[in-house]
Amino acid sequence: MAEALVTGMLKSHLAFPDNISVTDISLTRLEHFQKTFQVHVGSDNAKEVKSADIIVLCVKPQVMDIVLSEIKEQVSQKHLMISVAAGYPLARIQRHAGKHISLIRAMPNTPAVIQEGVTALAGSSEISPDHLRLAQSIFESIGKVVMVEESLMDAVTGLSGSGPAYIYMVIEALTDGGVLLGLPRTVASVLAAQTVLGAARMVLESGEHPAVLKDRVTSPGGTTIAGLQRLETGKLRATLMEAVKAATARSSELGQ
């Protein structure tokens, strides 16, 4: 996700290589960032934080406590701190900081790597309008942005965070259906993936309810209604809803 953000900010000219510093425990990763993006790199978190205005914590929740303890003394009220650690609440970051700072919790998803992600943001009570707009602009460089209450972040994780995996399975299944009926796999894969992409863009760009768009494809006694009837028999909609529910519950468990 750090690489996706750096790519997005540079492509959108929101930032330039001299404005960005990346730290990592892996020398290989640091070499990659320096060679690919010409950004500043280092391994001393506290040093980099001291000279920064915005801190983006692109780390696993399991190591957040360690990272926050390393930078605690360098964090001040001037900083905007953004966390993408799943299940790690803002209150816990605030306790580590030991002072009131501007905090944003972000939940992007993996299509961010091609600047087609969607990110939900939740801000702390101390967040200023300027810091909120800045956080939005950062994540708009990798896709769309929505604002939610922090209490809904687990639901965001269950829907859009885990959602790409559900859609990959749908694309795989549609492809297999085409192969079953004689289409070459390469052809079936393109047909399935582009169909999903096109349908998604229709929803976003038309502003129409998905049910309205579905009905436009569905003629009386036609092929589409025959397929939809089979999907209803297989409880596709209920199964997808249960998948979001299960992933949300797991996200909540991991955040305890």
C-alpha atoms as a PDB file:
ATOM      1  CA  MET A   1       0.000   0.000   0.000  1.00  0.00           C
ATOM      2  CA  ALA A   2       2.912   2.354   0.652  1.00  0.00           C
ATOM      3  CA  GLU A   3       4.116   1.791  -2.897  1.00  0.00           C
ATOM      4  CA  ALA A   4       0.612   2.406  -4.251  1.00  0.00           C
ATOM      5  CA  LEU A   5       0.423   5.715  -2.373  1.00  0.00           C
ATOM      6  CA  VAL A   6       3.844   6.855  -3.539  1.00  0.00           C
ATOM      7  CA  THR A   7       2.942   5.948  -7.127  1.00  0.00           C
ATOM      8  CA  GLY A   8      -0.397   7.747  -6.928  1.00  0.00           C
ATOM      9  CA  MET A   9       0.985  10.911  -5.359  1.00  0.00           C
ATOM     10  CA  LEU A  10       3.803  11.156  -7.866  1.00  0.00           C
ATOM     11  CA  LYS A  11       1.582  10.464 -10.882  1.00  0.00           C
ATOM     12  CA  SER A  12      -0.950  13.066  -9.752  1.00  0.00           C
ATOM     13  CA  HIS A  13       1.820  15.563  -8.922  1.00  0.00           C
ATOM     14  CA  LEU A  14       0.433  15.834  -5.409  1.00  0.00           C
ATOM     15  CA  ALA A  15       4.014  15.337  -4.248  1.00  0.00           C
ATOM     16  CA  PHE A  16       7.477  15.091  -5.774  1.00  0.00           C
ATOM     17  CA  PRO A  17      10.300  12.665  -4.922  1.00  0.00           C
ATOM     18  CA  ASP A  18      12.083  15.222  -2.732  1.00  0.00           C
ATOM     19  CA  ASN A  19       8.929  15.566  -0.606  1.00  0.00           C
ATOM     20  CA  ILE A  20       8.733  11.857   0.281  1.00  0.00           C
ATOM     21  CA  SER A  21      10.761   9.796   2.737  1.00  0.00           C
ATOM     22  CA  VAL A  22      10.269   6.049   3.089  1.00  0.00           C
ATOM     23  CA  THR A  23      11.467   3.903   5.977  1.00  0.00           C
ATOM     24  CA  ASP A  24      11.552   0.117   6.130  1.00  0.00           C
ATOM     25  CA  ILE A  25      13.402  -2.625   7.974  1.00  0.00           C
ATOM     26  CA  SER A  26      14.156  -4.283   4.635  1.00  0.00           C
ATOM     27  CA  LEU A  27      17.186  -2.954   2.779  1.00  0.00           C
ATOM     28  CA  THR A  28      15.864  -4.591  -0.388  1.00  0.00           C
ATOM     29  CA  ARG A  29      12.621  -2.651  -0.147  1.00  0.00           C
ATOM     30  CA  LEU A  30      14.451   0.604   0.498  1.00  0.00           C
ATOM     31  CA  GLU A  31      16.651   0.043  -2.536  1.00  0.00           C
ATOM     32  CA  HIS A  32      13.537  -0.647  -4.600  1.00  0.00           C
ATOM     33  CA  PHE A  33      11.857   2.592  -3.501  1.00  0.00           C
ATOM     34  CA  GLN A  34      14.983   4.651  -4.094  1.00  0.00           C
ATOM     35  CA  LYS A  35      15.663   3.166  -7.521  1.00  0.00           C
ATOM     36  CA  THR A  36      12.035   3.193  -8.693  1.00  0.00           C
ATOM     37  CA  PHE A  37      10.851   6.537  -7.337  1.00  0.00           C
ATOM     38  CA  GLN A  38      14.029   8.451  -6.405  1.00  0.00           C
ATOM     39  CA  VAL A  39      12.527   9.234  -2.983  1.00  0.00           C
ATOM     40  CA  HIS A  40      14.490   9.595   0.243  1.00  0.00           C
ATOM     41  CA  VAL A  41      14.894   6.317   2.132  1.00  0.00           C
ATOM     42  CA  GLY A  42      16.063   5.388   5.597  1.00  0.00           C
ATOM     43  CA  SER A  43      15.656   3.015   8.521  1.00  0.00           C
ATOM     44  CA  ASP A  44      15.368   5.491  11.410  1.00  0.00           C
ATOM     45  CA  ASN A  45      11.655   6.120  11.952  1.00  0.00           C
ATOM     46  CA  ALA A  46      12.149   8.756  14.648  1.00  0.00           C
ATOM     47  CA  LYS A  47      14.548  10.778  12.510  1.00  0.00           C
ATOM     48  CA  GLU A  48      12.230  10.843   9.507  1.00  0.00           C
ATOM     49  CA  VAL A  49       9.164  11.722  11.598  1.00  0.00           C
ATOM     50  CA  LYS A  50      10.944  14.670  13.185  1.00  0.00           C
ATOM     51  CA  SER A  51      11.370  16.393   9.833  1.00  0.00           C
ATOM     52  CA  ALA A  52       7.976  15.396   8.385  1.00  0.00           C
ATOM     53  CA  ASP A  53       4.573  17.080   8.359  1.00  0.00           C
ATOM     54  CA  ILE A  54       2.547  14.005   7.372  1.00  0.00           C
ATOM     55  CA  ILE A  55       3.164  10.512   8.736  1.00  0.00           C
ATOM     56  CA  VAL A  56       1.581   7.576   6.910  1.00  0.00           C
ATOM     57  CA  LEU A  57       1.761   4.337   8.879  1.00  0.00           C
ATOM     58  CA  CYS A  58       1.693   1.616   6.217  1.00  0.00           C
ATOM     59  CA  VAL A  59       2.526  -1.220   8.594  1.00  0.00           C
ATOM     60  CA  LYS A  60       0.843  -4.391   9.797  1.00  0.00           C
ATOM     61  CA  PRO A  61      -1.268  -3.970  12.937  1.00  0.00           C
ATOM     62  CA  GLN A  62       0.943  -6.529  14.693  1.00  0.00           C
ATOM     63  CA  VAL A  63       3.906  -4.120  14.636  1.00  0.00           C
ATOM     64  CA  MET A  64       2.055  -0.835  15.136  1.00  0.00           C
ATOM     65  CA  ASP A  65       2.781  -0.757  18.875  1.00  0.00           C
ATOM     66  CA  ILE A  66       6.512  -1.032  18.189  1.00  0.00           C
ATOM     67  CA  VAL A  67       6.529   1.652  15.494  1.00  0.00           C
ATOM     68  CA  LEU A  68       4.463   4.056  17.584  1.00  0.00           C
ATOM     69  CA  SER A  69       6.778   3.617  20.565  1.00  0.00           C
ATOM     70  CA  GLU A  70       9.756   4.458  18.310  1.00  0.00           C
ATOM     71  CA  ILE A  71       8.277   7.744  17.103  1.00  0.00           C
ATOM     72  CA  LYS A  72       6.342   8.825  20.195  1.00  0.00           C
ATOM     73  CA  GLU A  73       8.836  11.478  21.305  1.00  0.00           C
ATOM     74  CA  GLN A  74       9.008  13.025  17.827  1.00  0.00           C
ATOM     75  CA  VAL A  75       5.275  13.318  17.204  1.00  0.00           C
ATOM     76  CA  SER A  76       3.742  16.727  17.834  1.00  0.00           C
ATOM     77  CA  GLN A  77       0.497  18.586  17.239  1.00  0.00           C
ATOM     78  CA  LYS A  78       1.846  19.864  13.909  1.00  0.00           C
ATOM     79  CA  HIS A  79       1.707  16.361  12.451  1.00  0.00           C
ATOM     80  CA  LEU A  80      -1.047  14.702  10.507  1.00  0.00           C
ATOM     81  CA  MET A  81      -0.822  10.962  11.183  1.00  0.00           C
ATOM     82  CA  ILE A  82      -2.580   8.512   8.870  1.00  0.00           C
ATOM     83  CA  SER A  83      -2.867   4.805   9.653  1.00  0.00           C
ATOM     84  CA  VAL A  84      -3.784   2.071   7.177  1.00  0.00           C
ATOM     85  CA  ALA A  85      -3.447  -0.714   9.762  1.00  0.00           C
ATOM     86  CA  ALA A  86      -6.623  -2.811   9.681  1.00  0.00           C
ATOM     87  CA  GLY A  87      -8.435  -3.135  12.982  1.00  0.00           C
ATOM     88  CA  TYR A  88      -6.176  -0.701  14.840  1.00  0.00           C
ATOM     89  CA  PRO A  89      -8.380   2.023  16.401  1.00  0.00           C
ATOM     90  CA  LEU A  90      -7.583   5.706  16.569  1.00  0.00           C
ATOM     91  CA  ALA A  91      -7.916   5.726  20.363  1.00  0.00           C
ATOM     92  CA  ARG A  92      -5.082   3.223  20.624  1.00  0.00           C
ATOM     93  CA  ILE A  93      -2.833   5.416  18.467  1.00  0.00           C
ATOM     94  CA  GLN A  94      -3.750   8.425  20.589  1.00  0.00           C
ATOM     95  CA  ARG A  95      -2.799   6.569  23.762  1.00  0.00           C
ATOM     96  CA  HIS A  96       0.609   5.745  22.310  1.00  0.00           C
ATOM     97  CA  ALA A  97       1.150   9.332  21.203  1.00  0.00           C
ATOM     98  CA  GLY A  98       0.349  10.586  24.697  1.00  0.00           C
ATOM     99  CA  LYS A  99      -0.918  13.860  23.254  1.00  0.00           C
ATOM    100  CA  HIS A 100      -3.744  15.140  21.083  1.00  0.00           C
ATOM    101  CA  ILE A 101      -2.764  14.981  17.415  1.00  0.00           C
ATOM    102  CA  SER A 102      -4.596  14.945  14.094  1.00  0.00           C
ATOM    103  CA  LEU A 103      -5.339  11.331  13.238  1.00  0.00           C
ATOM    104  CA  ILE A 104      -6.902   9.642  10.240  1.00  0.00           C
ATOM    105  CA  ARG A 105      -7.687   5.963   9.938  1.00  0.00           C
ATOM    106  CA  ALA A 106      -7.789   4.732   6.345  1.00  0.00           C
ATOM    107  CA  MET A 107      -9.000   1.504   4.782  1.00  0.00           C
ATOM    108  CA  PRO A 108      -7.931   1.332   1.121  1.00  0.00           C
ATOM    109  CA  ASN A 109      -8.148  -1.813  -0.988  1.00  0.00           C
ATOM    110  CA  THR A 110      -5.720  -3.548  -3.303  1.00  0.00           C
ATOM    111  CA  PRO A 111      -6.856  -2.029  -6.650  1.00  0.00           C
ATOM    112  CA  ALA A 112      -5.105   1.071  -5.287  1.00  0.00           C
ATOM    113  CA  VAL A 113      -1.947  -0.342  -6.904  1.00  0.00           C
ATOM    114  CA  ILE A 114      -3.402   0.637 -10.296  1.00  0.00           C
ATOM    115  CA  GLN A 115      -5.023   3.828  -8.927  1.00  0.00           C
ATOM    116  CA  GLU A 116      -8.481   2.201  -9.040  1.00  0.00           C
ATOM    117  CA  GLY A 117      -8.965   1.609  -5.324  1.00  0.00           C
ATOM    118  CA  VAL A 118     -11.537   2.918  -2.914  1.00  0.00           C
ATOM    119  CA  THR A 119     -10.599   4.190   0.532  1.00  0.00           C
ATOM    120  CA  ALA A 120     -12.766   4.874   3.558  1.00  0.00           C
ATOM    121  CA  LEU A 121     -11.457   7.542   5.935  1.00  0.00           C
ATOM    122  CA  ALA A 122     -12.372   8.173   9.552  1.00  0.00           C
ATOM    123  CA  GLY A 123     -10.951  11.139  11.444  1.00  0.00           C
ATOM    124  CA  SER A 124     -10.279  11.789  15.104  1.00  0.00           C
ATOM    125  CA  SER A 125     -12.196  14.514  16.932  1.00  0.00           C
ATOM    126  CA  GLU A 126      -9.077  16.709  16.766  1.00  0.00           C
ATOM    127  CA  ILE A 127      -8.810  16.589  12.980  1.00  0.00           C
ATOM    128  CA  SER A 128      -8.879  19.983  11.277  1.00  0.00           C
ATOM    129  CA  PRO A 129     -10.740  20.626   8.005  1.00  0.00           C
ATOM    130  CA  ASP A 130      -7.405  21.333   6.290  1.00  0.00           C
ATOM    131  CA  HIS A 131      -5.894  18.051   7.467  1.00  0.00           C
ATOM    132  CA  LEU A 132      -9.036  16.191   6.430  1.00  0.00           C
ATOM    133  CA  ARG A 133      -8.894  17.677   2.933  1.00  0.00           C
ATOM    134  CA  LEU A 134      -5.204  16.823   2.717  1.00  0.00           C
ATOM    135  CA  ALA A 135      -5.864  13.191   3.656  1.00  0.00           C
ATOM    136  CA  GLN A 136      -8.638  13.011   1.077  1.00  0.00           C
ATOM    137  CA  SER A 137      -6.352  14.336  -1.649  1.00  0.00           C
ATOM    138  CA  ILE A 138      -3.671  11.776  -0.780  1.00  0.00           C
ATOM    139  CA  PHE A 139      -6.044   8.846  -1.142  1.00  0.00           C
ATOM    140  CA  GLU A 140      -7.837  10.311  -4.155  1.00  0.00           C
ATOM    141  CA  SER A 141      -4.506   9.831  -5.926  1.00  0.00           C
ATOM    142  CA  ILE A 142      -5.145   6.055  -5.766  1.00  0.00           C
ATOM    143  CA  GLY A 143      -8.903   5.988  -6.385  1.00  0.00           C
ATOM    144  CA  LYS A 144     -12.165   7.079  -4.836  1.00  0.00           C
ATOM    145  CA  VAL A 145     -12.627   8.220  -1.219  1.00  0.00           C
ATOM    146  CA  VAL A 146     -15.580   8.018   1.150  1.00  0.00           C
ATOM    147  CA  MET A 147     -15.917   9.312   4.719  1.00  0.00           C
ATOM    148  CA  VAL A 148     -17.346   7.085   7.459  1.00  0.00           C
ATOM    149  CA  GLU A 149     -17.597   6.949  11.228  1.00  0.00           C
ATOM    150  CA  GLU A 150     -14.783   4.891  12.728  1.00  0.00           C
ATOM    151  CA  SER A 151     -17.343   2.463  14.169  1.00  0.00           C
ATOM    152  CA  LEU A 152     -18.095   1.381  10.583  1.00  0.00           C
ATOM    153  CA  MET A 153     -14.509   0.580   9.627  1.00  0.00           C
ATOM    154  CA  ASP A 154     -14.942  -3.155  10.209  1.00  0.00           C
ATOM    155  CA  ALA A 155     -17.893  -3.112   7.804  1.00  0.00           C
ATOM    156  CA  VAL A 156     -15.721  -1.268   5.263  1.00  0.00           C
ATOM    157  CA  THR A 157     -13.087  -3.978   5.679  1.00  0.00           C
ATOM    158  CA  GLY A 158     -15.694  -6.682   5.108  1.00  0.00           C
ATOM    159  CA  LEU A 159     -17.076  -4.989   1.994  1.00  0.00           C
ATOM    160  CA  SER A 160     -14.402  -3.129   0.033  1.00  0.00           C
ATOM    161  CA  GLY A 161     -11.284  -4.328   1.869  1.00  0.00           C
ATOM    162  CA  SER A 162     -12.036  -8.000   1.269  1.00  0.00           C
ATOM    163  CA  GLY A 163     -14.349  -7.349  -1.682  1.00  0.00           C
ATOM    164  CA  PRO A 164     -11.785  -7.678  -4.489  1.00  0.00           C
ATOM    165  CA  ALA A 165     -11.336 -11.348  -3.542  1.00  0.00           C
ATOM    166  CA  TYR A 166     -15.089 -11.926  -3.885  1.00  0.00           C
ATOM    167  CA  ILE A 167     -15.084 -10.333  -7.324  1.00  0.00           C
ATOM    168  CA  TYR A 168     -12.018 -12.313  -8.435  1.00  0.00           C
ATOM    169  CA  MET A 169     -13.963 -15.448  -7.544  1.00  0.00           C
ATOM    170  CA  VAL A 170     -16.950 -14.206  -9.563  1.00  0.00           C
ATOM    171  CA  ILE A 171     -14.695 -13.498 -12.556  1.00  0.00           C
ATOM    172  CA  GLU A 172     -13.094 -16.919 -12.218  1.00  0.00           C
ATOM    173  CA  ALA A 173     -16.495 -18.612 -12.073  1.00  0.00           C
ATOM    174  CA  LEU A 174     -17.810 -16.710 -15.100  1.00  0.00           C
ATOM    175  CA  THR A 175     -14.643 -17.626 -16.994  1.00  0.00           C
ATOM    176  CA  ASP A 176     -15.051 -21.292 -16.081  1.00  0.00           C
ATOM    177  CA  GLY A 177     -18.654 -21.113 -17.308  1.00  0.00           C
ATOM    178  CA  GLY A 178     -17.436 -19.870 -20.661  1.00  0.00           C
ATOM    179  CA  VAL A 179     -14.797 -22.597 -20.834  1.00  0.00           C
ATOM    180  CA  LEU A 180     -17.442 -25.194 -19.970  1.00  0.00           C
ATOM    181  CA  LEU A 181     -19.380 -24.091 -23.023  1.00  0.00           C
ATOM    182  CA  GLY A 182     -16.391 -24.180 -25.369  1.00  0.00           C
ATOM    183  CA  LEU A 183     -14.781 -20.750 -25.200  1.00  0.00           C
ATOM    184  CA  PRO A 184     -10.974 -20.612 -25.048  1.00  0.00           C
ATOM    185  CA  ARG A 185      -9.921 -19.659 -21.501  1.00  0.00           C
ATOM    186  CA  THR A 186      -8.083 -16.535 -22.647  1.00  0.00           C
ATOM    187  CA  VAL A 187     -11.185 -15.315 -24.458  1.00  0.00           C
ATOM    188  CA  ALA A 188     -13.528 -16.235 -21.597  1.00  0.00           C
ATOM    189  CA  SER A 189     -11.291 -14.442 -19.103  1.00  0.00           C
ATOM    190  CA  VAL A 190     -11.336 -11.186 -21.088  1.00  0.00           C
ATOM    191  CA  LEU A 191     -15.094 -11.419 -21.586  1.00  0.00           C
ATOM    192  CA  ALA A 192     -15.692 -12.007 -17.862  1.00  0.00           C
ATOM    193  CA  ALA A 193     -13.280  -9.370 -16.533  1.00  0.00           C
ATOM    194  CA  GLN A 194     -14.336  -6.637 -18.958  1.00  0.00           C
ATOM    195  CA  THR A 195     -17.989  -7.387 -18.259  1.00  0.00           C
ATOM    196  CA  VAL A 196     -17.420  -6.857 -14.537  1.00  0.00           C
ATOM    197  CA  LEU A 197     -15.404  -3.697 -15.199  1.00  0.00           C
ATOM    198  CA  GLY A 198     -17.992  -2.271 -17.557  1.00  0.00           C
ATOM    199  CA  ALA A 199     -20.889  -3.052 -15.236  1.00  0.00           C
ATOM    200  CA  ALA A 200     -19.089  -1.395 -12.316  1.00  0.00           C
ATOM    201  CA  ARG A 201     -18.422   1.747 -14.346  1.00  0.00           C
ATOM    202  CA  MET A 202     -22.072   1.863 -15.393  1.00  0.00           C
ATOM    203  CA  VAL A 203     -23.101   1.901 -11.723  1.00  0.00           C
ATOM    204  CA  LEU A 204     -20.595   4.614 -10.789  1.00  0.00           C
ATOM    205  CA  GLU A 205     -20.999   6.852 -13.822  1.00  0.00           C
ATOM    206  CA  SER A 206     -24.744   6.593 -14.399  1.00  0.00           C
ATOM    207  CA  GLY A 207     -25.737   7.035 -10.754  1.00  0.00           C
ATOM    208  CA  GLU A 208     -28.527   4.536 -11.362  1.00  0.00           C
ATOM    209  CA  HIS A 209     -29.469   1.854  -8.850  1.00  0.00           C
ATOM    210  CA  PRO A 210     -27.970  -1.521  -9.841  1.00  0.00           C
ATOM    211  CA  ALA A 211     -31.472  -3.010  -9.965  1.00  0.00           C
ATOM    212  CA  VAL A 212     -32.503  -0.459 -12.603  1.00  0.00           C
ATOM    213  CA  LEU A 213     -29.457  -1.277 -14.726  1.00  0.00           C
ATOM    214  CA  LYS A 214     -30.104  -4.994 -14.270  1.00  0.00           C
ATOM    215  CA  ASP A 215     -33.690  -4.615 -15.491  1.00  0.00           C
ATOM    216  CA  ARG A 216     -32.498  -2.870 -18.652  1.00  0.00           C
ATOM    217  CA  VAL A 217     -30.544  -5.992 -19.601  1.00  0.00           C
ATOM    218  CA  THR A 218     -33.417  -8.322 -18.722  1.00  0.00           C
ATOM    219  CA  SER A 219     -36.044  -8.804 -21.413  1.00  0.00           C
ATOM    220  CA  PRO A 220     -39.199 -10.911 -20.870  1.00  0.00           C
ATOM    221  CA  GLY A 221     -38.566 -14.585 -21.450  1.00  0.00           C
ATOM    222  CA  GLY A 222     -34.988 -13.885 -22.534  1.00  0.00           C
ATOM    223  CA  THR A 223     -31.565 -15.290 -21.788  1.00  0.00           C
ATOM    224  CA  THR A 224     -30.705 -12.948 -18.929  1.00  0.00           C
ATOM    225  CA  ILE A 225     -33.780 -13.698 -16.831  1.00  0.00           C
ATOM    226  CA  ALA A 226     -33.045 -17.418 -17.229  1.00  0.00           C
ATOM    227  CA  GLY A 227     -29.555 -16.847 -15.840  1.00  0.00           C
ATOM    228  CA  LEU A 228     -30.820 -14.594 -13.038  1.00  0.00           C
ATOM    229  CA  GLN A 229     -33.370 -17.207 -11.992  1.00  0.00           C
ATOM    230  CA  ARG A 230     -30.562 -19.730 -11.541  1.00  0.00           C
ATOM    231  CA  LEU A 231     -28.509 -17.203  -9.508  1.00  0.00           C
ATOM    232  CA  GLU A 232     -31.508 -16.657  -7.226  1.00  0.00           C
ATOM    233  CA  THR A 233     -31.881 -20.405  -6.822  1.00  0.00           C
ATOM    234  CA  GLY A 234     -28.226 -20.559  -5.759  1.00  0.00           C
ATOM    235  CA  LYS A 235     -28.762 -17.678  -3.311  1.00  0.00           C
ATOM    236  CA  LEU A 236     -25.970 -15.580  -4.822  1.00  0.00           C
ATOM    237  CA  ARG A 237     -27.114 -12.338  -3.216  1.00  0.00           C
ATOM    238  CA  ALA A 238     -27.608 -13.843   0.219  1.00  0.00           C
ATOM    239  CA  THR A 239     -24.238 -15.595   0.009  1.00  0.00           C
ATOM    240  CA  LEU A 240     -22.412 -12.374  -0.874  1.00  0.00           C
ATOM    241  CA  MET A 241     -24.158 -10.566   1.978  1.00  0.00           C
ATOM    242  CA  GLU A 242     -23.078 -13.324   4.361  1.00  0.00           C
ATOM    243  CA  ALA A 243     -19.503 -13.058   3.063  1.00  0.00           C
ATOM    244  CA  VAL A 244     -19.418  -9.342   3.930  1.00  0.00           C
ATOM    245  CA  LYS A 245     -20.907 -10.127   7.330  1.00  0.00           C
ATOM    246  CA  ALA A 246     -18.350 -12.872   8.062  1.00  0.00           C
ATOM    247  CA  ALA A 247     -15.385 -10.741   6.982  1.00  0.00           C
ATOM    248  CA  THR A 248     -16.665  -7.847   9.100  1.00  0.00           C
ATOM    249  CA  ALA A 249     -16.925 -10.094  12.148  1.00  0.00           C
ATOM    250  CA  ARG A 250     -13.383 -11.347  11.593  1.00  0.00           C
ATOM    251  CA  SER A 251     -12.091  -7.792  11.244  1.00  0.00           C
ATOM    252  CA  SER A 252     -13.697  -6.944  14.571  1.00  0.00           C
ATOM    253  CA  GLU A 253     -12.058  -9.979  16.201  1.00  0.00           C
ATOM    254  CA  LEU A 254      -8.623  -9.023  14.904  1.00  0.00           C
ATOM    255  CA  GLY A 255      -9.022  -5.533  16.300  1.00  0.00           C
ATOM    256  CA  GLN A 256      -9.535  -6.716  19.886  1.00  0.00           C
END
